[in-house]
Amino acid sequence: MPYRHTQFGTVILVVCLVIAVFGGAIAWRAQPAAAIPMLVILAAVAVFFHSLTVEIGDNELRWHFGPGLWTYRLPLNEIEWVAAVHNHWWNGFGIRTAPRFTLYNVSGLDAVELKLKSGGVKRIGTDDPAGLAAALQSAMRG
């Protein structure tokens, strides 16, 4: 595997923790039974989005969130070009569809943008944009 990197979702984990503490306290005081489903949902979000792992190998780019229950795959020959980019804070975290691209992100604002031959654009968040962009460009040439 020429490239494998995991970014931990610090932002998502902090947001889940803050909502759990304050939301759980408010829900517990108002209606204790409502606190349990909210905490279960927040725990699930934390488990499924606690990290983003990106791999390059076997002529494809793969990425998955958390434990990898579902994996996204993109053949390298479908990528037209690659560039390191900086997202705006309002693009958010998780899986987002913006007007010009689809974003997969767990923390931070850095990403690698993939322009597809089909015309679509995907951005994969990473704390190693230069390394991922270089690994992709190298794998696409090879």
N, C-alpha and C. Protein backbone atom coordinates (compact mmCIF):
# COMPACT_ATOMS: atom_id res chain seq x y z
N MET A 1 0.85 -1.17 0.00
CA MET A 1 0.00 0.00 0.00
C MET A 1 0.90 1.24 0.00
N PRO A 2 0.95 2.00 -1.09
CA PRO A 2 1.86 3.14 -1.15
C PRO A 2 1.50 4.28 -0.22
N TYR A 3 0.23 4.41 0.18
CA TYR A 3 -0.15 5.51 1.06
C TYR A 3 -1.30 5.06 1.94
N ARG A 4 -1.19 5.35 3.24
CA ARG A 4 -2.28 5.10 4.20
C ARG A 4 -2.13 6.10 5.32
N HIS A 5 -3.19 6.86 5.57
CA HIS A 5 -3.13 7.88 6.61
C HIS A 5 -4.50 7.98 7.29
N THR A 6 -4.49 8.09 8.61
CA THR A 6 -5.72 8.26 9.39
C THR A 6 -5.67 9.60 10.12
N GLN A 7 -6.71 10.38 9.92
CA GLN A 7 -6.86 11.64 10.65
C GLN A 7 -7.94 11.44 11.69
N PHE A 8 -7.66 11.84 12.92
CA PHE A 8 -8.65 11.71 13.98
C PHE A 8 -9.57 12.93 13.97
N GLY A 9 -10.84 12.69 14.21
CA GLY A 9 -11.88 13.73 14.12
C GLY A 9 -12.02 14.51 15.40
N THR A 10 -11.03 15.30 15.73
CA THR A 10 -11.04 16.08 16.95
C THR A 10 -12.27 16.97 17.04
N VAL A 11 -12.60 17.67 15.97
CA VAL A 11 -13.74 18.59 15.99
C VAL A 11 -15.04 17.84 16.25
N ILE A 12 -15.26 16.76 15.55
CA ILE A 12 -16.50 16.00 15.72
C ILE A 12 -16.60 15.44 17.13
N LEU A 13 -15.50 14.94 17.67
CA LEU A 13 -15.53 14.39 19.02
C LEU A 13 -15.80 15.47 20.06
N VAL A 14 -15.21 16.64 19.90
CA VAL A 14 -15.44 17.74 20.84
C VAL A 14 -16.90 18.21 20.77
N VAL A 15 -17.42 18.36 19.56
CA VAL A 15 -18.82 18.79 19.40
C VAL A 15 -19.76 17.76 20.03
N CYS A 16 -19.53 16.48 19.79
CA CYS A 16 -20.38 15.45 20.40
C CYS A 16 -20.31 15.50 21.92
N LEU A 17 -19.12 15.70 22.46
CA LEU A 17 -18.95 15.78 23.91
C LEU A 17 -19.68 16.98 24.49
N VAL A 18 -19.54 18.14 23.86
CA VAL A 18 -20.21 19.36 24.35
C VAL A 18 -21.73 19.20 24.31
N ILE A 19 -22.25 18.68 23.20
CA ILE A 19 -23.69 18.47 23.08
C ILE A 19 -24.16 17.44 24.11
N ALA A 20 -23.38 16.39 24.31
CA ALA A 20 -23.76 15.37 25.28
C ALA A 20 -23.83 15.94 26.69
N VAL A 21 -22.86 16.75 27.07
CA VAL A 21 -22.83 17.31 28.42
C VAL A 21 -23.98 18.29 28.63
N PHE A 22 -24.07 19.30 27.76
CA PHE A 22 -25.10 20.32 27.95
C PHE A 22 -26.49 19.82 27.57
N GLY A 23 -26.60 19.16 26.44
CA GLY A 23 -27.90 18.64 26.02
C GLY A 23 -28.41 17.57 26.96
N GLY A 24 -27.51 16.70 27.41
CA GLY A 24 -27.90 15.65 28.35
C GLY A 24 -28.38 16.23 29.67
N ALA A 25 -27.69 17.26 30.16
CA ALA A 25 -28.11 17.90 31.42
C ALA A 25 -29.48 18.56 31.28
N ILE A 26 -29.69 19.26 30.19
CA ILE A 26 -30.98 19.92 29.96
C ILE A 26 -32.09 18.89 29.80
N ALA A 27 -31.83 17.87 28.97
CA ALA A 27 -32.85 16.84 28.75
C ALA A 27 -33.14 16.07 30.04
N TRP A 28 -32.11 15.81 30.82
CA TRP A 28 -32.28 15.05 32.06
C TRP A 28 -33.17 15.82 33.04
N ARG A 29 -33.01 17.12 33.10
CA ARG A 29 -33.84 17.93 34.00
C ARG A 29 -35.27 18.04 33.51
N ALA A 30 -35.44 18.17 32.20
CA ALA A 30 -36.78 18.37 31.64
C ALA A 30 -37.53 17.03 31.52
N GLN A 31 -36.87 16.04 30.95
CA GLN A 31 -37.51 14.74 30.72
C GLN A 31 -36.40 13.70 30.63
N PRO A 32 -36.09 13.03 31.73
CA PRO A 32 -34.95 12.11 31.76
C PRO A 32 -34.96 11.04 30.67
N ALA A 33 -36.11 10.56 30.27
CA ALA A 33 -36.17 9.52 29.24
C ALA A 33 -35.68 10.03 27.89
N ALA A 34 -35.77 11.34 27.65
CA ALA A 34 -35.32 11.91 26.38
C ALA A 34 -33.80 11.96 26.29
N ALA A 35 -33.12 11.96 27.42
CA ALA A 35 -31.66 12.06 27.42
C ALA A 35 -31.01 10.80 26.86
N ILE A 36 -31.60 9.65 27.10
CA ILE A 36 -30.98 8.39 26.69
C ILE A 36 -30.88 8.26 25.17
N PRO A 37 -31.97 8.46 24.40
CA PRO A 37 -31.82 8.36 22.94
C PRO A 37 -30.84 9.39 22.38
N MET A 38 -30.83 10.60 22.94
CA MET A 38 -29.91 11.63 22.47
C MET A 38 -28.47 11.19 22.69
N LEU A 39 -28.17 10.63 23.85
CA LEU A 39 -26.81 10.19 24.15
C LEU A 39 -26.41 8.99 23.28
N VAL A 40 -27.35 8.11 22.98
CA VAL A 40 -27.07 6.97 22.10
C VAL A 40 -26.73 7.47 20.69
N ILE A 41 -27.50 8.44 20.19
CA ILE A 41 -27.23 9.00 18.85
C ILE A 41 -25.87 9.68 18.82
N LEU A 42 -25.56 10.46 19.84
CA LEU A 42 -24.25 11.13 19.89
C LEU A 42 -23.10 10.13 19.96
N ALA A 43 -23.30 9.06 20.71
CA ALA A 43 -22.26 8.02 20.79
C ALA A 43 -22.06 7.36 19.43
N ALA A 44 -23.15 7.12 18.71
CA ALA A 44 -23.04 6.52 17.37
C ALA A 44 -22.30 7.45 16.42
N VAL A 45 -22.62 8.74 16.45
CA VAL A 45 -21.91 9.72 15.60
C VAL A 45 -20.43 9.72 15.94
N ALA A 46 -20.10 9.70 17.23
CA ALA A 46 -18.69 9.70 17.65
C ALA A 46 -17.97 8.44 17.16
N VAL A 47 -18.62 7.29 17.23
CA VAL A 47 -17.99 6.03 16.80
C VAL A 47 -17.80 6.02 15.28
N PHE A 48 -18.84 6.41 14.53
CA PHE A 48 -18.77 6.31 13.07
C PHE A 48 -17.94 7.40 12.42
N PHE A 49 -17.77 8.55 13.09
CA PHE A 49 -17.03 9.66 12.48
C PHE A 49 -15.83 10.11 13.31
N HIS A 50 -15.26 9.23 14.14
CA HIS A 50 -14.12 9.61 14.97
C HIS A 50 -12.81 9.73 14.18
N SER A 51 -12.80 9.22 12.95
CA SER A 51 -11.58 9.30 12.14
C SER A 51 -11.94 9.15 10.67
N LEU A 52 -10.97 9.53 9.83
CA LEU A 52 -11.09 9.35 8.38
C LEU A 52 -9.78 8.75 7.90
N THR A 53 -9.85 7.55 7.33
CA THR A 53 -8.67 6.86 6.82
C THR A 53 -8.69 6.90 5.30
N VAL A 54 -7.55 7.29 4.72
CA VAL A 54 -7.40 7.38 3.27
C VAL A 54 -6.27 6.44 2.85
N GLU A 55 -6.52 5.65 1.80
CA GLU A 55 -5.53 4.69 1.30
C GLU A 55 -5.44 4.80 -0.22
N ILE A 56 -4.24 4.59 -0.72
CA ILE A 56 -4.03 4.49 -2.16
C ILE A 56 -3.35 3.15 -2.42
N GLY A 57 -3.93 2.37 -3.30
CA GLY A 57 -3.35 1.07 -3.64
C GLY A 57 -4.24 0.35 -4.62
N ASP A 58 -3.69 -0.61 -5.33
CA ASP A 58 -4.45 -1.41 -6.30
C ASP A 58 -5.16 -0.53 -7.32
N ASN A 59 -4.48 0.54 -7.75
CA ASN A 59 -5.02 1.46 -8.76
C ASN A 59 -6.31 2.14 -8.36
N GLU A 60 -6.50 2.34 -7.06
CA GLU A 60 -7.68 3.06 -6.61
C GLU A 60 -7.40 3.84 -5.33
N LEU A 61 -8.23 4.84 -5.12
CA LEU A 61 -8.23 5.63 -3.89
C LEU A 61 -9.40 5.14 -3.05
N ARG A 62 -9.14 4.86 -1.78
CA ARG A 62 -10.19 4.40 -0.87
C ARG A 62 -10.19 5.28 0.37
N TRP A 63 -11.36 5.52 0.91
CA TRP A 63 -11.45 6.23 2.18
C TRP A 63 -12.66 5.75 2.94
N HIS A 64 -12.53 5.77 4.28
CA HIS A 64 -13.65 5.38 5.13
C HIS A 64 -13.59 6.13 6.45
N PHE A 65 -14.75 6.30 7.02
CA PHE A 65 -14.88 6.94 8.32
C PHE A 65 -14.85 5.88 9.41
N GLY A 66 -14.32 6.24 10.58
CA GLY A 66 -14.36 5.40 11.77
C GLY A 66 -13.94 3.97 11.53
N PRO A 67 -14.79 3.02 11.97
CA PRO A 67 -14.42 1.61 11.88
C PRO A 67 -14.48 1.04 10.46
N GLY A 68 -14.93 1.82 9.50
CA GLY A 68 -14.93 1.37 8.11
C GLY A 68 -16.10 0.50 7.72
N LEU A 69 -17.27 0.80 8.27
CA LEU A 69 -18.45 0.01 7.91
C LEU A 69 -18.82 0.17 6.45
N TRP A 70 -18.52 1.34 5.88
CA TRP A 70 -18.68 1.52 4.45
C TRP A 70 -17.44 2.23 3.93
N THR A 71 -17.00 1.82 2.75
CA THR A 71 -15.78 2.34 2.15
C THR A 71 -16.11 2.97 0.81
N TYR A 72 -15.56 4.16 0.58
CA TYR A 72 -15.69 4.83 -0.71
C TYR A 72 -14.49 4.42 -1.57
N ARG A 73 -14.73 4.15 -2.84
CA ARG A 73 -13.66 3.73 -3.75
C ARG A 73 -13.73 4.57 -5.01
N LEU A 74 -12.55 4.94 -5.51
CA LEU A 74 -12.48 5.72 -6.74
C LEU A 74 -11.26 5.24 -7.53
N PRO A 75 -11.48 4.66 -8.73
CA PRO A 75 -10.34 4.25 -9.55
C PRO A 75 -9.47 5.46 -9.90
N LEU A 76 -8.17 5.29 -9.83
CA LEU A 76 -7.26 6.40 -10.11
C LEU A 76 -7.41 6.93 -11.52
N ASN A 77 -7.79 6.07 -12.47
CA ASN A 77 -7.91 6.53 -13.85
C ASN A 77 -9.16 7.40 -14.08
N GLU A 78 -10.00 7.57 -13.06
CA GLU A 78 -11.15 8.47 -13.16
C GLU A 78 -10.81 9.89 -12.68
N ILE A 79 -9.61 10.06 -12.12
CA ILE A 79 -9.20 11.36 -11.58
C ILE A 79 -8.45 12.13 -12.66
N GLU A 80 -8.92 13.34 -12.95
CA GLU A 80 -8.27 14.19 -13.96
C GLU A 80 -7.10 14.95 -13.36
N TRP A 81 -7.32 15.61 -12.22
CA TRP A 81 -6.24 16.31 -11.53
C TRP A 81 -6.50 16.38 -10.04
N VAL A 82 -5.44 16.70 -9.29
CA VAL A 82 -5.45 16.70 -7.83
C VAL A 82 -4.83 18.01 -7.35
N ALA A 83 -5.40 18.60 -6.31
CA ALA A 83 -4.81 19.81 -5.73
C ALA A 83 -5.12 19.88 -4.23
N ALA A 84 -4.15 20.33 -3.45
CA ALA A 84 -4.39 20.60 -2.04
C ALA A 84 -5.19 21.90 -1.95
N VAL A 85 -6.24 21.91 -1.12
CA VAL A 85 -7.11 23.08 -0.99
C VAL A 85 -7.39 23.36 0.48
N HIS A 86 -7.95 24.53 0.74
CA HIS A 86 -8.34 24.94 2.08
C HIS A 86 -9.85 25.22 2.05
N ASN A 87 -10.62 24.50 2.85
CA ASN A 87 -12.06 24.69 2.90
C ASN A 87 -12.43 25.89 3.76
N HIS A 88 -13.60 26.43 3.51
CA HIS A 88 -14.16 27.44 4.41
C HIS A 88 -14.79 26.73 5.61
N TRP A 89 -14.83 27.39 6.75
CA TRP A 89 -15.40 26.77 7.94
C TRP A 89 -16.86 26.39 7.74
N TRP A 90 -17.58 27.11 6.91
CA TRP A 90 -19.00 26.84 6.73
C TRP A 90 -19.27 25.60 5.88
N ASN A 91 -18.22 25.02 5.29
CA ASN A 91 -18.42 23.77 4.56
C ASN A 91 -18.71 22.61 5.50
N GLY A 92 -18.34 22.76 6.77
CA GLY A 92 -18.70 21.78 7.79
C GLY A 92 -17.84 20.53 7.81
N PHE A 93 -18.36 19.53 8.54
CA PHE A 93 -17.65 18.27 8.75
C PHE A 93 -18.60 17.12 8.48
N GLY A 94 -18.05 15.94 8.29
CA GLY A 94 -18.86 14.79 7.92
C GLY A 94 -18.88 14.66 6.41
N ILE A 95 -20.03 14.28 5.88
CA ILE A 95 -20.21 14.16 4.44
C ILE A 95 -21.13 15.29 4.02
N ARG A 96 -20.63 16.17 3.18
CA ARG A 96 -21.40 17.36 2.77
C ARG A 96 -21.40 17.49 1.26
N THR A 97 -22.53 17.87 0.72
CA THR A 97 -22.62 18.19 -0.69
C THR A 97 -22.77 19.70 -0.81
N ALA A 98 -21.77 20.34 -1.36
CA ALA A 98 -21.77 21.79 -1.58
C ALA A 98 -22.13 22.03 -3.06
N PRO A 99 -22.37 23.28 -3.44
CA PRO A 99 -22.73 23.53 -4.84
C PRO A 99 -21.70 23.05 -5.87
N ARG A 100 -20.41 23.06 -5.53
CA ARG A 100 -19.39 22.69 -6.52
C ARG A 100 -18.67 21.39 -6.22
N PHE A 101 -18.89 20.78 -5.05
CA PHE A 101 -18.14 19.58 -4.70
C PHE A 101 -18.84 18.81 -3.58
N THR A 102 -18.37 17.57 -3.38
CA THR A 102 -18.78 16.76 -2.23
C THR A 102 -17.57 16.66 -1.31
N LEU A 103 -17.80 16.91 -0.02
CA LEU A 103 -16.73 16.94 0.97
C LEU A 103 -16.87 15.78 1.95
N TYR A 104 -15.75 15.14 2.25
CA TYR A 104 -15.66 14.10 3.27
C TYR A 104 -14.61 14.59 4.26
N ASN A 105 -15.03 14.90 5.50
CA ASN A 105 -14.11 15.58 6.41
C ASN A 105 -14.47 15.27 7.86
N VAL A 106 -13.46 15.12 8.72
CA VAL A 106 -13.71 14.91 10.15
C VAL A 106 -13.12 15.99 11.03
N SER A 107 -12.16 16.76 10.53
CA SER A 107 -11.54 17.78 11.37
C SER A 107 -10.67 18.68 10.50
N GLY A 108 -10.54 19.93 10.88
CA GLY A 108 -9.67 20.85 10.17
C GLY A 108 -10.26 21.34 8.87
N LEU A 109 -9.53 22.22 8.20
CA LEU A 109 -10.02 22.85 6.98
C LEU A 109 -9.25 22.44 5.73
N ASP A 110 -8.16 21.68 5.89
CA ASP A 110 -7.36 21.26 4.75
C ASP A 110 -7.97 20.03 4.08
N ALA A 111 -7.82 19.96 2.77
CA ALA A 111 -8.35 18.84 2.00
C ALA A 111 -7.57 18.69 0.71
N VAL A 112 -7.82 17.59 0.02
CA VAL A 112 -7.32 17.40 -1.32
C VAL A 112 -8.53 17.35 -2.24
N GLU A 113 -8.49 18.18 -3.27
CA GLU A 113 -9.59 18.24 -4.23
C GLU A 113 -9.28 17.35 -5.42
N LEU A 114 -10.25 16.55 -5.81
CA LEU A 114 -10.12 15.63 -6.93
C LEU A 114 -11.10 16.06 -8.01
N LYS A 115 -10.59 16.48 -9.16
CA LYS A 115 -11.44 16.79 -10.31
C LYS A 115 -11.55 15.51 -11.11
N LEU A 116 -12.78 15.02 -11.27
CA LEU A 116 -13.00 13.76 -11.95
C LEU A 116 -13.21 13.99 -13.44
N LYS A 117 -12.87 13.00 -14.23
CA LYS A 117 -13.06 13.09 -15.68
C LYS A 117 -14.53 13.23 -16.04
N SER A 118 -15.41 12.77 -15.16
CA SER A 118 -16.85 12.89 -15.39
C SER A 118 -17.36 14.31 -15.14
N GLY A 119 -16.49 15.17 -14.60
CA GLY A 119 -16.86 16.55 -14.30
C GLY A 119 -17.14 16.80 -12.83
N GLY A 120 -17.33 15.75 -12.04
CA GLY A 120 -17.58 15.90 -10.61
C GLY A 120 -16.32 16.31 -9.86
N VAL A 121 -16.53 16.81 -8.65
CA VAL A 121 -15.41 17.21 -7.80
C VAL A 121 -15.65 16.66 -6.40
N LYS A 122 -14.62 16.02 -5.85
CA LYS A 122 -14.67 15.51 -4.49
C LYS A 122 -13.53 16.12 -3.71
N ARG A 123 -13.80 16.42 -2.45
CA ARG A 123 -12.76 16.89 -1.53
C ARG A 123 -12.68 15.93 -0.37
N ILE A 124 -11.46 15.49 -0.08
CA ILE A 124 -11.23 14.59 1.04
C ILE A 124 -10.39 15.34 2.07
N GLY A 125 -10.99 15.56 3.23
CA GLY A 125 -10.30 16.26 4.30
C GLY A 125 -9.12 15.46 4.81
N THR A 126 -8.06 16.17 5.16
CA THR A 126 -6.86 15.50 5.67
C THR A 126 -5.98 16.50 6.41
N ASP A 127 -5.22 16.01 7.36
CA ASP A 127 -4.21 16.85 8.01
C ASP A 127 -2.85 16.64 7.33
N ASP A 128 -2.85 15.97 6.19
CA ASP A 128 -1.65 15.74 5.38
C ASP A 128 -1.95 16.03 3.91
N PRO A 129 -2.39 17.26 3.58
CA PRO A 129 -2.78 17.53 2.19
C PRO A 129 -1.62 17.40 1.20
N ALA A 130 -0.45 17.86 1.56
CA ALA A 130 0.70 17.77 0.64
C ALA A 130 1.08 16.31 0.40
N GLY A 131 1.11 15.51 1.45
CA GLY A 131 1.47 14.10 1.32
C GLY A 131 0.46 13.31 0.50
N LEU A 132 -0.83 13.56 0.75
CA LEU A 132 -1.87 12.85 0.00
C LEU A 132 -1.86 13.28 -1.47
N ALA A 133 -1.74 14.57 -1.73
CA ALA A 133 -1.71 15.06 -3.12
C ALA A 133 -0.50 14.46 -3.86
N ALA A 134 0.66 14.47 -3.22
CA ALA A 134 1.86 13.91 -3.86
C ALA A 134 1.72 12.41 -4.10
N ALA A 135 1.17 11.67 -3.13
CA ALA A 135 0.98 10.23 -3.30
C ALA A 135 0.00 9.94 -4.43
N LEU A 136 -1.06 10.73 -4.53
CA LEU A 136 -2.03 10.54 -5.61
C LEU A 136 -1.40 10.82 -6.97
N GLN A 137 -0.67 11.94 -7.06
CA GLN A 137 -0.04 12.30 -8.35
C GLN A 137 0.96 11.23 -8.76
N SER A 138 1.71 10.71 -7.80
CA SER A 138 2.69 9.66 -8.10
C SER A 138 1.98 8.38 -8.55
N ALA A 139 0.93 8.00 -7.85
CA ALA A 139 0.20 6.77 -8.20
C ALA A 139 -0.50 6.91 -9.55
N MET A 140 -0.98 8.10 -9.88
CA MET A 140 -1.65 8.32 -11.16
C MET A 140 -0.66 8.22 -12.33
N ARG A 141 0.59 8.64 -12.10
CA ARG A 141 1.63 8.55 -13.14
C ARG A 141 2.08 7.10 -13.34
N GLY A 142 2.10 6.35 -12.22
CA GLY A 142 2.65 5.00 -12.25
C GLY A 142 1.67 4.06 -12.76
